[in-house]
């Protein structure tokens, strides 16, 4: 596998973090919506009223909440796993490499924003990013981490 292929594989894998974060936000919105709908249910003890309403509606909201919470937990576990894998990077400039990967793929920062934060030239941020991807990809290549 060439360095370019290793880098591309690592980049493709890390881009999944952005997708996971979008999914997390969507699930959190669904949980909020489910809660709003569930709290609008007024339970009634009257048989005549309850016979005309859906008696299992609250149960369905509870089951939906449990399902959404499990999905959310799963997504957070995947994000945490990816962050832990980045922590396995070692060698020279490890903190810079980790910072660039985490800020870009997990915190959604652009390379320009990262350059301002570090501080470092934009060109160097791009160079370190390429190096970080290569090092991260090599961890997968040697079996230290499993990308897929």
Protein backbone atom coordinates (compact mmCIF):
# COMPACT_ATOMS: atom_id res chain seq x y z
CA UNK A 1 0.00 0.00 0.00
CA UNK A 2 1.42 3.39 -0.94
CA UNK A 3 1.63 6.34 1.45
CA UNK A 4 -1.07 8.08 -0.57
CA UNK A 5 -3.42 5.10 -0.21
CA UNK A 6 -2.70 4.87 3.51
CA UNK A 7 -3.44 8.58 3.92
CA UNK A 8 -6.66 8.35 1.91
CA UNK A 9 -7.86 5.36 3.93
CA UNK A 10 -7.22 7.20 7.19
CA UNK A 11 -8.99 10.32 5.90
CA UNK A 12 -12.02 8.31 4.80
CA UNK A 13 -12.21 6.65 8.20
CA UNK A 14 -11.87 9.89 10.15
CA UNK A 15 -14.55 11.57 8.05
CA UNK A 16 -16.95 9.09 9.64
CA UNK A 17 -16.59 11.15 12.83
CA UNK A 18 -18.36 14.04 11.11
CA UNK A 19 -21.16 11.73 10.00
CA UNK A 20 -21.46 10.31 13.51
CA UNK A 21 -21.75 13.80 14.97
CA UNK A 22 -24.52 14.67 12.51
CA UNK A 23 -26.31 11.47 13.51
CA UNK A 24 -25.86 12.33 17.21
CA UNK A 25 -27.43 15.76 16.73
CA UNK A 26 -30.33 14.20 14.80
CA UNK A 27 -30.95 11.56 17.48
CA UNK A 28 -30.81 14.24 20.19
CA UNK A 29 -33.46 16.25 18.28
CA UNK A 30 -35.62 13.11 18.00
CA UNK A 31 -35.26 12.50 21.75
CA UNK A 32 -36.35 16.08 22.48
CA UNK A 33 -39.31 15.75 20.09
CA UNK A 34 -40.29 12.41 21.62
CA UNK A 35 -40.14 13.93 25.11
CA UNK A 36 -42.29 16.88 24.05
CA UNK A 37 -44.89 14.58 22.54
CA UNK A 38 -44.82 12.21 25.51
CA UNK A 39 -45.29 14.99 28.06
CA UNK A 40 -48.33 16.26 26.15
CA UNK A 41 -50.20 13.01 26.85
CA UNK A 42 -52.74 13.37 29.61
CA UNK A 43 -53.46 10.01 31.21
CA UNK A 44 -57.08 9.54 32.18
CA UNK A 45 -58.63 7.20 34.71
CA UNK A 46 -62.04 7.44 33.12
CA UNK A 47 -62.93 4.36 31.10
CA UNK A 48 -65.08 6.28 28.69
CA UNK A 49 -62.28 8.69 27.83
CA UNK A 50 -59.53 6.08 27.70
CA UNK A 51 -61.56 3.82 25.43
CA UNK A 52 -61.58 6.51 22.76
CA UNK A 53 -57.88 7.32 23.14
CA UNK A 54 -54.89 5.16 22.29
CA UNK A 55 -54.09 3.37 25.58
CA UNK A 56 -50.64 2.28 24.36
CA UNK A 57 -49.43 5.67 23.21
CA UNK A 58 -47.33 6.37 26.30
CA UNK A 59 -45.79 2.89 26.12
CA UNK A 60 -44.78 3.55 22.52
CA UNK A 61 -43.11 6.82 23.54
CA UNK A 62 -41.19 5.01 26.27
CA UNK A 63 -40.07 2.28 23.87
CA UNK A 64 -39.04 4.93 21.33
CA UNK A 65 -37.05 6.73 24.02
CA UNK A 66 -35.22 3.53 24.92
CA UNK A 67 -34.42 2.84 21.27
CA UNK A 68 -33.15 6.38 20.69
CA UNK A 69 -31.02 6.29 23.84
CA UNK A 70 -29.41 3.03 22.69
CA UNK A 71 -28.66 4.53 19.27
CA UNK A 72 -27.20 7.62 20.89
CA UNK A 73 -25.03 5.54 23.20
CA UNK A 74 -23.76 3.51 20.26
CA UNK A 75 -22.77 6.65 18.33
CA UNK A 76 -20.97 8.11 21.34
CA UNK A 77 -19.07 4.86 21.84
CA UNK A 78 -17.90 4.96 18.22
CA UNK A 79 -16.76 8.58 18.56
CA UNK A 80 -14.92 7.77 21.79
CA UNK A 81 -13.22 4.79 20.13
CA UNK A 82 -11.99 6.97 17.29
CA UNK A 83 -10.64 9.57 19.72
CA UNK A 84 -8.84 6.86 21.67
CA UNK A 85 -7.29 5.60 18.44
CA UNK A 86 -5.93 9.06 17.72
CA UNK A 87 -4.36 9.06 21.18
CA UNK A 88 -2.27 6.08 20.04
CA UNK A 89 -0.22 8.34 17.76
CA UNK A 90 3.35 8.58 19.04
CA UNK A 91 6.60 10.17 17.99
CA UNK A 92 7.76 13.67 17.19
CA UNK A 93 5.14 16.42 17.31
CA UNK A 94 2.51 13.98 18.58
CA UNK A 95 0.45 16.66 20.31
CA UNK A 96 0.29 18.78 17.17
CA UNK A 97 -0.75 15.78 15.07
CA UNK A 98 -3.45 14.79 17.56
CA UNK A 99 -4.70 18.36 17.89
CA UNK A 100 -5.05 18.80 14.15
CA UNK A 101 -6.94 15.52 13.69
CA UNK A 102 -9.27 16.09 16.64
CA UNK A 103 -9.92 19.74 15.86
CA UNK A 104 -10.61 19.07 12.20
CA UNK A 105 -12.54 15.79 12.29
CA UNK A 106 -14.23 15.97 15.69
CA UNK A 107 -14.57 19.68 16.44
CA UNK A 108 -15.34 20.71 12.87
CA UNK A 109 -12.66 23.37 12.66
CA UNK A 110 -11.21 24.44 9.34
CA UNK A 111 -7.48 24.36 8.73
CA UNK A 112 -7.48 28.17 8.87
CA UNK A 113 -9.08 28.10 12.33
CA UNK A 114 -6.60 25.48 13.50
CA UNK A 115 -3.69 27.58 12.20
CA UNK A 116 -4.96 30.52 14.26
CA UNK A 117 -5.38 28.39 17.39
CA UNK A 118 -2.02 26.60 17.39
CA UNK A 119 -0.58 29.24 16.06
CA UNK A 120 1.04 28.00 12.90
CA UNK A 121 1.05 28.85 9.23
CA UNK A 122 -1.74 27.37 7.15
CA UNK A 123 0.84 25.60 5.01
CA UNK A 124 2.32 23.88 8.06
CA UNK A 125 -1.13 22.85 9.27
CA UNK A 126 -1.71 21.14 5.92
CA UNK A 127 1.68 19.45 6.11
CA UNK A 128 1.11 18.23 9.66
CA UNK A 129 -2.38 17.06 8.70
CA UNK A 130 -0.95 14.93 5.90
CA UNK A 131 1.66 13.53 8.24
CA UNK A 132 -0.95 12.83 10.93
CA UNK A 133 -3.11 10.95 8.44
CA UNK A 134 -0.15 8.91 7.28
CA UNK A 135 0.88 8.04 10.85
CA UNK A 136 -2.71 7.20 11.76
CA UNK A 137 -3.08 5.03 8.67
CA UNK A 138 0.15 3.20 9.54
CA UNK A 139 -1.33 2.31 12.93
CA UNK A 140 -4.09 0.54 11.05
CA UNK A 141 -1.68 -1.04 8.63
CA UNK A 142 0.41 -2.59 11.40
CA UNK A 143 -2.70 -3.78 13.25
CA UNK A 144 -2.55 -1.40 16.21
CA UNK A 145 -6.01 -0.11 15.35
CA UNK A 146 -8.82 -1.49 13.22
CA UNK A 147 -10.36 1.10 10.90
CA UNK A 148 -13.34 -0.88 9.68
